[in-house]
């Protein structure tokens, strides 16, 4: 419904019929208001019952949704809710070692919350690319009682509808639909992002974004995009020999440089920099348009925890 209204605005020629244009804008405003209101209402209930026994929860978690980030997921009123929490990946009871998604050997919910904020920013960038045939979910961030939740509108996706990107951490990467590839390339051109190899395919985005192709009620193909956490290029990992003050100054300088390069200048690397989603040939170094000193041997590349926007 959201994209239908947006496409109506894009393709309409209202002329002197300002009332019709105002009606569309009113419907968009009502839709956004209703979604945010509903998302806040149920997110507050879920968070308030965070430590209530499972049998007594008003809204119970579900196990059929894919993905591990954020832990428990909930659905209510066709909205998918997910905590912005760090998630344990592996645990060795013998060595008493744990591997967390964002905090390495300990949970780091602050970085998980930043990653959730990045997803909203990434969605805004794709929506702003104004590619009419790309469709996106409604998305909201809810901060309540020290917790952060993401709320995403339900989409008619299936396990067989994935035609672009990866939903299993890069083990399988798709670019199997020429129309979706062309749409993603158009969006990447707007965002000034250059293509790269991931697996055996060429992508115009981070490898873990998902592009789905689904037929609507009329049999027409609809193209949906989800998972926008790593849309823009990452900040380089801090160098070991620099002080905290120097790291902060460098971070701010790079933020200004890359902000000015957005939409102009040479294309920027996508969000797969400093990850193993896109691995160069053996012996190559990995950089991300930073200074020559900021190169890392392929065996020392950082993982996706470093992929955060410049604040």
C-alpha atoms as a PDB file:
ATOM      1  CA  UNK A   1       0.000   0.000   0.000  1.00  0.00           C
ATOM      2  CA  UNK A   2       2.891   2.366   0.812  1.00  0.00           C
ATOM      3  CA  UNK A   3       4.609   1.871  -2.550  1.00  0.00           C
ATOM      4  CA  UNK A   4       1.282   2.020  -4.388  1.00  0.00           C
ATOM      5  CA  UNK A   5       0.670   5.497  -2.993  1.00  0.00           C
ATOM      6  CA  UNK A   6       4.253   6.572  -3.753  1.00  0.00           C
ATOM      7  CA  UNK A   7       4.014   5.325  -7.329  1.00  0.00           C
ATOM      8  CA  UNK A   8       0.718   7.167  -7.689  1.00  0.00           C
ATOM      9  CA  UNK A   9       2.510  10.382  -6.804  1.00  0.00           C
ATOM     10  CA  UNK A  10       5.404   9.597  -9.154  1.00  0.00           C
ATOM     11  CA  UNK A  11       3.291   8.779 -12.186  1.00  0.00           C
ATOM     12  CA  UNK A  12       0.344  11.096 -11.719  1.00  0.00           C
ATOM     13  CA  UNK A  13      -0.179  14.337 -13.597  1.00  0.00           C
ATOM     14  CA  UNK A  14      -2.537  16.173 -11.275  1.00  0.00           C
ATOM     15  CA  UNK A  15      -2.433  19.514 -13.073  1.00  0.00           C
ATOM     16  CA  UNK A  16      -5.047  21.735 -11.502  1.00  0.00           C
ATOM     17  CA  UNK A  17      -6.495  18.854  -9.510  1.00  0.00           C
ATOM     18  CA  UNK A  18      -4.673  19.751  -6.326  1.00  0.00           C
ATOM     19  CA  UNK A  19      -7.331  18.063  -4.237  1.00  0.00           C
ATOM     20  CA  UNK A  20      -6.431  14.662  -5.711  1.00  0.00           C
ATOM     21  CA  UNK A  21      -2.764  15.227  -4.909  1.00  0.00           C
ATOM     22  CA  UNK A  22      -3.616  16.309  -1.378  1.00  0.00           C
ATOM     23  CA  UNK A  23      -5.744  13.184  -0.942  1.00  0.00           C
ATOM     24  CA  UNK A  24      -2.764  10.975  -1.783  1.00  0.00           C
ATOM     25  CA  UNK A  25      -0.507  12.842   0.639  1.00  0.00           C
ATOM     26  CA  UNK A  26      -3.162  12.558   3.349  1.00  0.00           C
ATOM     27  CA  UNK A  27      -3.379   8.803   2.815  1.00  0.00           C
ATOM     28  CA  UNK A  28       0.411   8.535   3.038  1.00  0.00           C
ATOM     29  CA  UNK A  29       0.415  10.541   6.263  1.00  0.00           C
ATOM     30  CA  UNK A  30      -2.366   8.435   7.748  1.00  0.00           C
ATOM     31  CA  UNK A  31      -0.603   5.197   6.797  1.00  0.00           C
ATOM     32  CA  UNK A  32       2.678   6.308   8.374  1.00  0.00           C
ATOM     33  CA  UNK A  33       0.929   7.589  11.507  1.00  0.00           C
ATOM     34  CA  UNK A  34      -1.082   4.393  11.931  1.00  0.00           C
ATOM     35  CA  UNK A  35       1.985   2.199  11.473  1.00  0.00           C
ATOM     36  CA  UNK A  36       4.115   4.118  13.984  1.00  0.00           C
ATOM     37  CA  UNK A  37       1.262   4.270  16.500  1.00  0.00           C
ATOM     38  CA  UNK A  38       0.629   0.511  16.235  1.00  0.00           C
ATOM     39  CA  UNK A  39       4.340  -0.328  16.337  1.00  0.00           C
ATOM     40  CA  UNK A  40       4.906   1.774  19.466  1.00  0.00           C
ATOM     41  CA  UNK A  41       1.862   0.308  21.202  1.00  0.00           C
ATOM     42  CA  UNK A  42       2.870  -3.338  20.791  1.00  0.00           C
ATOM     43  CA  UNK A  43       6.613  -2.742  21.174  1.00  0.00           C
ATOM     44  CA  UNK A  44       5.960  -1.208  24.599  1.00  0.00           C
ATOM     45  CA  UNK A  45       3.959  -4.290  25.580  1.00  0.00           C
ATOM     46  CA  UNK A  46       6.728  -6.652  24.436  1.00  0.00           C
ATOM     47  CA  UNK A  47       9.450  -4.654  26.207  1.00  0.00           C
ATOM     48  CA  UNK A  48       7.394  -4.267  29.394  1.00  0.00           C
ATOM     49  CA  UNK A  49       7.067  -8.058  29.538  1.00  0.00           C
ATOM     50  CA  UNK A  50      10.727  -8.696  28.788  1.00  0.00           C
ATOM     51  CA  UNK A  51      11.272 -10.629  32.035  1.00  0.00           C
ATOM     52  CA  UNK A  52       7.779 -12.088  32.367  1.00  0.00           C
ATOM     53  CA  UNK A  53       7.631 -15.916  32.101  1.00  0.00           C
ATOM     54  CA  UNK A  54       6.892 -17.110  28.567  1.00  0.00           C
ATOM     55  CA  UNK A  55       3.543 -18.608  29.504  1.00  0.00           C
ATOM     56  CA  UNK A  56       2.365 -15.239  30.854  1.00  0.00           C
ATOM     57  CA  UNK A  57       3.495 -13.027  27.954  1.00  0.00           C
ATOM     58  CA  UNK A  58       0.728 -11.216  26.084  1.00  0.00           C
ATOM     59  CA  UNK A  59       2.671 -11.471  22.815  1.00  0.00           C
ATOM     60  CA  UNK A  60       4.798 -14.594  22.559  1.00  0.00           C
ATOM     61  CA  UNK A  61       7.983 -14.914  20.457  1.00  0.00           C
ATOM     62  CA  UNK A  62       7.915 -16.929  17.241  1.00  0.00           C
ATOM     63  CA  UNK A  63      10.521 -19.346  15.928  1.00  0.00           C
ATOM     64  CA  UNK A  64       9.620 -19.604  12.233  1.00  0.00           C
ATOM     65  CA  UNK A  65      11.269 -16.332  11.149  1.00  0.00           C
ATOM     66  CA  UNK A  66      14.812 -16.675   9.720  1.00  0.00           C
ATOM     67  CA  UNK A  67      17.904 -14.908  11.016  1.00  0.00           C
ATOM     68  CA  UNK A  68      19.729 -14.867  14.343  1.00  0.00           C
ATOM     69  CA  UNK A  69      20.426 -11.170  14.918  1.00  0.00           C
ATOM     70  CA  UNK A  70      18.449  -9.771  17.829  1.00  0.00           C
ATOM     71  CA  UNK A  71      17.413 -13.122  19.245  1.00  0.00           C
ATOM     72  CA  UNK A  72      13.689 -13.471  19.839  1.00  0.00           C
ATOM     73  CA  UNK A  73      11.272 -12.140  17.242  1.00  0.00           C
ATOM     74  CA  UNK A  74       7.592 -11.311  17.601  1.00  0.00           C
ATOM     75  CA  UNK A  75       4.722 -10.761  15.195  1.00  0.00           C
ATOM     76  CA  UNK A  76       1.536  -8.819  15.824  1.00  0.00           C
ATOM     77  CA  UNK A  77      -0.846  -6.956  13.509  1.00  0.00           C
ATOM     78  CA  UNK A  78       1.280  -7.915  10.474  1.00  0.00           C
ATOM     79  CA  UNK A  79       4.339  -6.257  12.026  1.00  0.00           C
ATOM     80  CA  UNK A  80       7.573  -8.102  12.810  1.00  0.00           C
ATOM     81  CA  UNK A  81       9.309  -6.942  16.011  1.00  0.00           C
ATOM     82  CA  UNK A  82      12.932  -7.663  16.867  1.00  0.00           C
ATOM     83  CA  UNK A  83      15.156  -6.635  19.777  1.00  0.00           C
ATOM     84  CA  UNK A  84      18.321  -4.720  18.899  1.00  0.00           C
ATOM     85  CA  UNK A  85      20.478  -6.949  21.099  1.00  0.00           C
ATOM     86  CA  UNK A  86      23.841  -8.568  20.580  1.00  0.00           C
ATOM     87  CA  UNK A  87      23.579 -12.247  19.748  1.00  0.00           C
ATOM     88  CA  UNK A  88      25.905 -15.068  20.729  1.00  0.00           C
ATOM     89  CA  UNK A  89      27.246 -16.937  17.698  1.00  0.00           C
ATOM     90  CA  UNK A  90      29.327 -19.718  19.228  1.00  0.00           C
ATOM     91  CA  UNK A  91      30.055 -20.957  22.728  1.00  0.00           C
ATOM     92  CA  UNK A  92      32.799 -23.305  23.879  1.00  0.00           C
ATOM     93  CA  UNK A  93      31.970 -24.614  27.372  1.00  0.00           C
ATOM     94  CA  UNK A  94      35.278 -26.441  27.653  1.00  0.00           C
ATOM     95  CA  UNK A  95      37.435 -23.375  26.971  1.00  0.00           C
ATOM     96  CA  UNK A  96      34.852 -21.040  28.524  1.00  0.00           C
ATOM     97  CA  UNK A  97      34.914 -18.895  25.368  1.00  0.00           C
ATOM     98  CA  UNK A  98      32.065 -17.079  23.633  1.00  0.00           C
ATOM     99  CA  UNK A  99      31.831 -15.366  20.250  1.00  0.00           C
ATOM    100  CA  UNK A 100      29.291 -12.541  19.946  1.00  0.00           C
ATOM    101  CA  UNK A 101      28.098 -10.887  16.774  1.00  0.00           C
ATOM    102  CA  UNK A 102      29.096  -7.342  17.776  1.00  0.00           C
ATOM    103  CA  UNK A 103      31.077  -7.564  21.003  1.00  0.00           C
ATOM    104  CA  UNK A 104      33.534 -10.338  20.124  1.00  0.00           C
ATOM    105  CA  UNK A 105      34.065 -12.032  23.514  1.00  0.00           C
ATOM    106  CA  UNK A 106      31.249 -10.175  25.308  1.00  0.00           C
ATOM    107  CA  UNK A 107      27.788  -8.845  24.524  1.00  0.00           C
ATOM    108  CA  UNK A 108      27.744  -5.289  23.158  1.00  0.00           C
ATOM    109  CA  UNK A 109      24.147  -4.109  22.897  1.00  0.00           C
ATOM    110  CA  UNK A 110      25.240  -0.542  22.129  1.00  0.00           C
ATOM    111  CA  UNK A 111      26.696  -1.627  18.786  1.00  0.00           C
ATOM    112  CA  UNK A 112      23.623  -3.757  18.099  1.00  0.00           C
ATOM    113  CA  UNK A 113      21.462  -0.656  18.632  1.00  0.00           C
ATOM    114  CA  UNK A 114      23.677   1.318  16.249  1.00  0.00           C
ATOM    115  CA  UNK A 115      23.293  -1.425  13.672  1.00  0.00           C
ATOM    116  CA  UNK A 116      19.505  -1.101  13.964  1.00  0.00           C
ATOM    117  CA  UNK A 117      19.824   2.628  13.388  1.00  0.00           C
ATOM    118  CA  UNK A 118      21.955   1.910  10.319  1.00  0.00           C
ATOM    119  CA  UNK A 119      19.152  -0.212   8.905  1.00  0.00           C
ATOM    120  CA  UNK A 120      16.760   2.725   9.049  1.00  0.00           C
ATOM    121  CA  UNK A 121      19.349   5.000   7.413  1.00  0.00           C
ATOM    122  CA  UNK A 122      19.984   2.447   4.673  1.00  0.00           C
ATOM    123  CA  UNK A 123      16.272   2.142   3.957  1.00  0.00           C
ATOM    124  CA  UNK A 124      16.001   5.934   3.710  1.00  0.00           C
ATOM    125  CA  UNK A 125      18.826   5.970   1.138  1.00  0.00           C
ATOM    126  CA  UNK A 126      17.179   3.296  -1.013  1.00  0.00           C
ATOM    127  CA  UNK A 127      13.789   4.970  -0.778  1.00  0.00           C
ATOM    128  CA  UNK A 128      15.407   8.257  -1.787  1.00  0.00           C
ATOM    129  CA  UNK A 129      16.903   6.599  -4.885  1.00  0.00           C
ATOM    130  CA  UNK A 130      13.388   6.824  -6.352  1.00  0.00           C
ATOM    131  CA  UNK A 131      13.422   3.553  -8.302  1.00  0.00           C
ATOM    132  CA  UNK A 132       9.668   3.040  -8.852  1.00  0.00           C
ATOM    133  CA  UNK A 133       9.727  -0.754  -9.226  1.00  0.00           C
ATOM    134  CA  UNK A 134      11.655  -1.372  -6.011  1.00  0.00           C
ATOM    135  CA  UNK A 135       9.361  -1.874  -3.035  1.00  0.00           C
ATOM    136  CA  UNK A 136      10.229  -1.526   0.639  1.00  0.00           C
ATOM    137  CA  UNK A 137       8.610  -2.267   4.002  1.00  0.00           C
ATOM    138  CA  UNK A 138       7.463   0.266   6.546  1.00  0.00           C
ATOM    139  CA  UNK A 139      10.095   0.495   9.279  1.00  0.00           C
ATOM    140  CA  UNK A 140      10.238   2.060  12.733  1.00  0.00           C
ATOM    141  CA  UNK A 141      12.685   2.196  15.648  1.00  0.00           C
ATOM    142  CA  UNK A 142      11.214   2.154  19.142  1.00  0.00           C
ATOM    143  CA  UNK A 143      13.356   3.087  22.166  1.00  0.00           C
ATOM    144  CA  UNK A 144      11.663   2.289  25.464  1.00  0.00           C
ATOM    145  CA  UNK A 145      12.961   1.642  28.988  1.00  0.00           C
ATOM    146  CA  UNK A 146      16.544   1.300  27.752  1.00  0.00           C
ATOM    147  CA  UNK A 147      15.692  -1.197  25.021  1.00  0.00           C
ATOM    148  CA  UNK A 148      15.528  -0.702  21.278  1.00  0.00           C
ATOM    149  CA  UNK A 149      13.218  -2.623  18.967  1.00  0.00           C
ATOM    150  CA  UNK A 150      12.804  -2.598  15.218  1.00  0.00           C
ATOM    151  CA  UNK A 151       9.325  -2.865  13.731  1.00  0.00           C
ATOM    152  CA  UNK A 152       8.979  -3.926  10.088  1.00  0.00           C
ATOM    153  CA  UNK A 153       5.768  -4.383   8.145  1.00  0.00           C
ATOM    154  CA  UNK A 154       5.087  -7.921   6.959  1.00  0.00           C
ATOM    155  CA  UNK A 155       5.848  -8.654   3.306  1.00  0.00           C
ATOM    156  CA  UNK A 156       4.667 -11.649   1.222  1.00  0.00           C
ATOM    157  CA  UNK A 157       8.130 -13.218   0.992  1.00  0.00           C
ATOM    158  CA  UNK A 158       8.953 -16.920   0.882  1.00  0.00           C
ATOM    159  CA  UNK A 159      12.086 -19.055   1.046  1.00  0.00           C
ATOM    160  CA  UNK A 160      11.948 -19.384  -2.742  1.00  0.00           C
ATOM    161  CA  UNK A 161      11.491 -15.693  -3.560  1.00  0.00           C
ATOM    162  CA  UNK A 162      15.104 -14.621  -2.898  1.00  0.00           C
ATOM    163  CA  UNK A 163      16.781 -13.601  -6.184  1.00  0.00           C
ATOM    164  CA  UNK A 164      19.400 -11.100  -4.995  1.00  0.00           C
ATOM    165  CA  UNK A 165      21.886 -11.042  -2.126  1.00  0.00           C
ATOM    166  CA  UNK A 166      22.177 -13.546   0.680  1.00  0.00           C
ATOM    167  CA  UNK A 167      20.109 -14.641   3.670  1.00  0.00           C
ATOM    168  CA  UNK A 168      22.686 -17.014   5.195  1.00  0.00           C
ATOM    169  CA  UNK A 169      25.727 -14.846   5.863  1.00  0.00           C
ATOM    170  CA  UNK A 170      27.166 -15.087   2.368  1.00  0.00           C
ATOM    171  CA  UNK A 171      27.252 -18.883   2.081  1.00  0.00           C
ATOM    172  CA  UNK A 172      24.926 -18.558  -0.914  1.00  0.00           C
ATOM    173  CA  UNK A 173      24.776 -15.310  -2.871  1.00  0.00           C
ATOM    174  CA  UNK A 174      22.147 -14.695  -5.554  1.00  0.00           C
ATOM    175  CA  UNK A 175      21.924 -12.382  -8.549  1.00  0.00           C
ATOM    176  CA  UNK A 176      19.610 -14.566 -10.588  1.00  0.00           C
ATOM    177  CA  UNK A 177      17.050 -12.073 -11.893  1.00  0.00           C
ATOM    178  CA  UNK A 178      18.170  -9.610 -14.553  1.00  0.00           C
ATOM    179  CA  UNK A 179      15.374  -7.160 -13.749  1.00  0.00           C
ATOM    180  CA  UNK A 180      16.256  -7.045 -10.036  1.00  0.00           C
ATOM    181  CA  UNK A 181      19.950  -6.665 -10.918  1.00  0.00           C
ATOM    182  CA  UNK A 182      19.136  -3.685 -13.137  1.00  0.00           C
ATOM    183  CA  UNK A 183      16.979  -2.058 -10.441  1.00  0.00           C
ATOM    184  CA  UNK A 184      19.681  -2.478  -7.806  1.00  0.00           C
ATOM    185  CA  UNK A 185      22.277  -1.077 -10.225  1.00  0.00           C
ATOM    186  CA  UNK A 186      20.074   1.982 -10.757  1.00  0.00           C
ATOM    187  CA  UNK A 187      19.781   2.536  -7.001  1.00  0.00           C
ATOM    188  CA  UNK A 188      23.546   2.093  -6.613  1.00  0.00           C
ATOM    189  CA  UNK A 189      24.146   4.740  -9.275  1.00  0.00           C
ATOM    190  CA  UNK A 190      22.046   7.210  -7.285  1.00  0.00           C
ATOM    191  CA  UNK A 191      24.000   6.398  -4.109  1.00  0.00           C
ATOM    192  CA  UNK A 192      27.319   6.480  -5.967  1.00  0.00           C
ATOM    193  CA  UNK A 193      28.224   2.912  -4.987  1.00  0.00           C
ATOM    194  CA  UNK A 194      30.382   0.769  -7.231  1.00  0.00           C
ATOM    195  CA  UNK A 195      29.688  -2.910  -8.038  1.00  0.00           C
ATOM    196  CA  UNK A 196      31.824  -5.704  -6.623  1.00  0.00           C
ATOM    197  CA  UNK A 197      32.135  -9.468  -6.666  1.00  0.00           C
ATOM    198  CA  UNK A 198      30.535 -11.538  -3.919  1.00  0.00           C
ATOM    199  CA  UNK A 199      30.721 -15.276  -4.291  1.00  0.00           C
ATOM    200  CA  UNK A 200      30.399 -15.950  -8.016  1.00  0.00           C
ATOM    201  CA  UNK A 201      28.159 -12.988  -8.838  1.00  0.00           C
ATOM    202  CA  UNK A 202      28.408  -9.223  -9.221  1.00  0.00           C
ATOM    203  CA  UNK A 203      26.388  -7.159  -6.751  1.00  0.00           C
ATOM    204  CA  UNK A 204      25.602  -3.459  -6.515  1.00  0.00           C
ATOM    205  CA  UNK A 205      25.071  -3.574  -2.763  1.00  0.00           C
ATOM    206  CA  UNK A 206      26.318  -5.306   0.366  1.00  0.00           C
ATOM    207  CA  UNK A 207      26.056  -9.077   0.011  1.00  0.00           C
ATOM    208  CA  UNK A 208      23.662  -9.568   2.926  1.00  0.00           C
ATOM    209  CA  UNK A 209      20.935  -7.308   1.577  1.00  0.00           C
ATOM    210  CA  UNK A 210      17.975  -9.334   0.277  1.00  0.00           C
ATOM    211  CA  UNK A 211      16.071  -8.782  -2.950  1.00  0.00           C
ATOM    212  CA  UNK A 212      12.897 -10.818  -3.429  1.00  0.00           C
ATOM    213  CA  UNK A 213      10.664 -11.378  -6.457  1.00  0.00           C
ATOM    214  CA  UNK A 214       7.016 -12.188  -5.713  1.00  0.00           C
ATOM    215  CA  UNK A 215       3.916 -12.334  -7.906  1.00  0.00           C
ATOM    216  CA  UNK A 216       1.012 -10.153  -6.815  1.00  0.00           C
ATOM    217  CA  UNK A 217      -2.698 -11.048  -7.084  1.00  0.00           C
ATOM    218  CA  UNK A 218      -2.695 -10.037 -10.757  1.00  0.00           C
ATOM    219  CA  UNK A 219       0.299 -12.206 -11.600  1.00  0.00           C
ATOM    220  CA  UNK A 220       2.692  -9.264 -11.920  1.00  0.00           C
ATOM    221  CA  UNK A 221       6.218  -9.545 -10.555  1.00  0.00           C
ATOM    222  CA  UNK A 222       6.862  -7.336  -7.528  1.00  0.00           C
ATOM    223  CA  UNK A 223      10.417  -6.607  -6.373  1.00  0.00           C
ATOM    224  CA  UNK A 224      11.028  -6.188  -2.629  1.00  0.00           C
ATOM    225  CA  UNK A 225      14.237  -5.243  -0.821  1.00  0.00           C
ATOM    226  CA  UNK A 226      14.929  -5.819   2.890  1.00  0.00           C
ATOM    227  CA  UNK A 227      17.874  -5.808   5.337  1.00  0.00           C
ATOM    228  CA  UNK A 228      19.550  -2.424   4.898  1.00  0.00           C
ATOM    229  CA  UNK A 229      22.039  -2.536   7.769  1.00  0.00           C
ATOM    230  CA  UNK A 230      25.184  -2.220   5.627  1.00  0.00           C
ATOM    231  CA  UNK A 231      24.202  -0.022   2.708  1.00  0.00           C
ATOM    232  CA  UNK A 232      26.976   2.586   2.867  1.00  0.00           C
ATOM    233  CA  UNK A 233      30.779   2.122   3.099  1.00  0.00           C
ATOM    234  CA  UNK A 234      32.150   1.245   6.560  1.00  0.00           C
ATOM    235  CA  UNK A 235      34.590   3.154   8.700  1.00  0.00           C
ATOM    236  CA  UNK A 236      37.994   1.453   8.817  1.00  0.00           C
ATOM    237  CA  UNK A 237      38.932  -0.422  12.011  1.00  0.00           C
ATOM    238  CA  UNK A 238      41.025   1.690  14.408  1.00  0.00           C
ATOM    239  CA  UNK A 239      44.747   1.258  13.978  1.00  0.00           C
ATOM    240  CA  UNK A 240      46.573  -0.196  16.963  1.00  0.00           C
ATOM    241  CA  UNK A 241      49.234   2.512  17.149  1.00  0.00           C
ATOM    242  CA  UNK A 242      46.839   5.490  17.243  1.00  0.00           C
ATOM    243  CA  UNK A 243      45.525   7.133  20.397  1.00  0.00           C
ATOM    244  CA  UNK A 244      41.824   7.483  21.147  1.00  0.00           C
ATOM    245  CA  UNK A 245      41.944  11.236  20.352  1.00  0.00           C
ATOM    246  CA  UNK A 246      43.637  10.574  17.013  1.00  0.00           C
ATOM    247  CA  UNK A 247      41.060   7.893  16.190  1.00  0.00           C
ATOM    248  CA  UNK A 248      38.207  10.317  16.938  1.00  0.00           C
ATOM    249  CA  UNK A 249      39.747  13.059  14.764  1.00  0.00           C
ATOM    250  CA  UNK A 250      40.374  10.632  11.921  1.00  0.00           C
ATOM    251  CA  UNK A 251      36.830   9.321  12.198  1.00  0.00           C
ATOM    252  CA  UNK A 252      35.360  12.840  11.931  1.00  0.00           C
ATOM    253  CA  UNK A 253      37.640  13.752   9.006  1.00  0.00           C
ATOM    254  CA  UNK A 254      36.697  10.618   7.077  1.00  0.00           C
ATOM    255  CA  UNK A 255      33.032  11.235   7.830  1.00  0.00           C
ATOM    256  CA  UNK A 256      33.224  14.701   6.269  1.00  0.00           C
ATOM    257  CA  UNK A 257      35.152  13.394   3.244  1.00  0.00           C
ATOM    258  CA  UNK A 258      32.733  10.566   2.519  1.00  0.00           C
ATOM    259  CA  UNK A 259      29.674  12.699   3.170  1.00  0.00           C
ATOM    260  CA  UNK A 260      30.897  15.175   0.543  1.00  0.00           C
ATOM    261  CA  UNK A 261      31.584  12.281  -1.857  1.00  0.00           C
ATOM    262  CA  UNK A 262      28.002  10.988  -1.613  1.00  0.00           C
ATOM    263  CA  UNK A 263      26.290  11.457  -5.010  1.00  0.00           C
ATOM    264  CA  UNK A 264      29.463  12.958  -6.508  1.00  0.00           C
ATOM    265  CA  UNK A 265      33.061  12.102  -7.252  1.00  0.00           C
ATOM    266  CA  UNK A 266      34.329   8.553  -7.908  1.00  0.00           C
ATOM    267  CA  UNK A 267      32.036   5.677  -6.803  1.00  0.00           C
ATOM    268  CA  UNK A 268      32.446   4.531  -3.214  1.00  0.00           C
ATOM    269  CA  UNK A 269      32.984   1.003  -1.950  1.00  0.00           C
ATOM    270  CA  UNK A 270      29.854  -0.742  -0.735  1.00  0.00           C
ATOM    271  CA  UNK A 271      29.285  -2.008   2.798  1.00  0.00           C
ATOM    272  CA  UNK A 272      31.258  -5.223   2.291  1.00  0.00           C
ATOM    273  CA  UNK A 273      34.574  -3.496   2.942  1.00  0.00           C
ATOM    274  CA  UNK A 274      36.569  -5.174   5.762  1.00  0.00           C
ATOM    275  CA  UNK A 275      34.367  -8.269   5.694  1.00  0.00           C
ATOM    276  CA  UNK A 276      34.742 -11.689   4.129  1.00  0.00           C
ATOM    277  CA  UNK A 277      31.634 -11.305   1.997  1.00  0.00           C
ATOM    278  CA  UNK A 278      33.867 -10.116  -0.825  1.00  0.00           C
ATOM    279  CA  UNK A 279      37.346 -11.633  -0.612  1.00  0.00           C
ATOM    280  CA  UNK A 280      40.039 -10.617  -3.113  1.00  0.00           C
ATOM    281  CA  UNK A 281      42.523 -13.068  -4.531  1.00  0.00           C
ATOM    282  CA  UNK A 282      45.184 -14.466  -2.220  1.00  0.00           C
ATOM    283  CA  UNK A 283      47.964 -12.006  -1.427  1.00  0.00           C
ATOM    284  CA  UNK A 284      45.913  -8.900  -2.100  1.00  0.00           C
ATOM    285  CA  UNK A 285      45.344  -6.263   0.536  1.00  0.00           C
ATOM    286  CA  UNK A 286      42.003  -4.778   1.440  1.00  0.00           C
ATOM    287  CA  UNK A 287      41.292  -1.085   1.737  1.00  0.00           C
ATOM    288  CA  UNK A 288      38.271   1.150   1.749  1.00  0.00           C
ATOM    289  CA  UNK A 289      39.313   4.382   0.029  1.00  0.00           C
ATOM    290  CA  UNK A 290      41.242   5.381   3.165  1.00  0.00           C
ATOM    291  CA  UNK A 291      44.870   6.464   3.424  1.00  0.00           C
ATOM    292  CA  UNK A 292      47.620   4.092   2.174  1.00  0.00           C
ATOM    293  CA  UNK A 293      48.512   3.212   5.762  1.00  0.00           C
ATOM    294  CA  UNK A 294      45.021   1.824   6.351  1.00  0.00           C
ATOM    295  CA  UNK A 295      45.540  -1.455   4.483  1.00  0.00           C
ATOM    296  CA  UNK A 296      44.988  -4.844   6.050  1.00  0.00           C
ATOM    297  CA  UNK A 297      46.311  -8.220   5.041  1.00  0.00           C
ATOM    298  CA  UNK A 298      43.556 -10.568   3.933  1.00  0.00           C
ATOM    299  CA  UNK A 299      44.134 -12.798   6.956  1.00  0.00           C
ATOM    300  CA  UNK A 300      43.634  -9.823   9.290  1.00  0.00           C
ATOM    301  CA  UNK A 301      40.449  -8.399   7.810  1.00  0.00           C
ATOM    302  CA  UNK A 302      37.868  -7.216  10.316  1.00  0.00           C
ATOM    303  CA  UNK A 303      34.433  -8.765  10.373  1.00  0.00           C
ATOM    304  CA  UNK A 304      30.937  -7.183  10.011  1.00  0.00           C
ATOM    305  CA  UNK A 305      31.072  -5.731  13.526  1.00  0.00           C
ATOM    306  CA  UNK A 306      33.073  -2.818  12.062  1.00  0.00           C
ATOM    307  CA  UNK A 307      30.362  -1.906   9.604  1.00  0.00           C
ATOM    308  CA  UNK A 308      28.857   1.158  11.245  1.00  0.00           C
ATOM    309  CA  UNK A 309      27.880   4.527   9.907  1.00  0.00           C
ATOM    310  CA  UNK A 310      29.850   7.574  10.921  1.00  0.00           C
ATOM    311  CA  UNK A 311      27.939   9.270  13.703  1.00  0.00           C
END
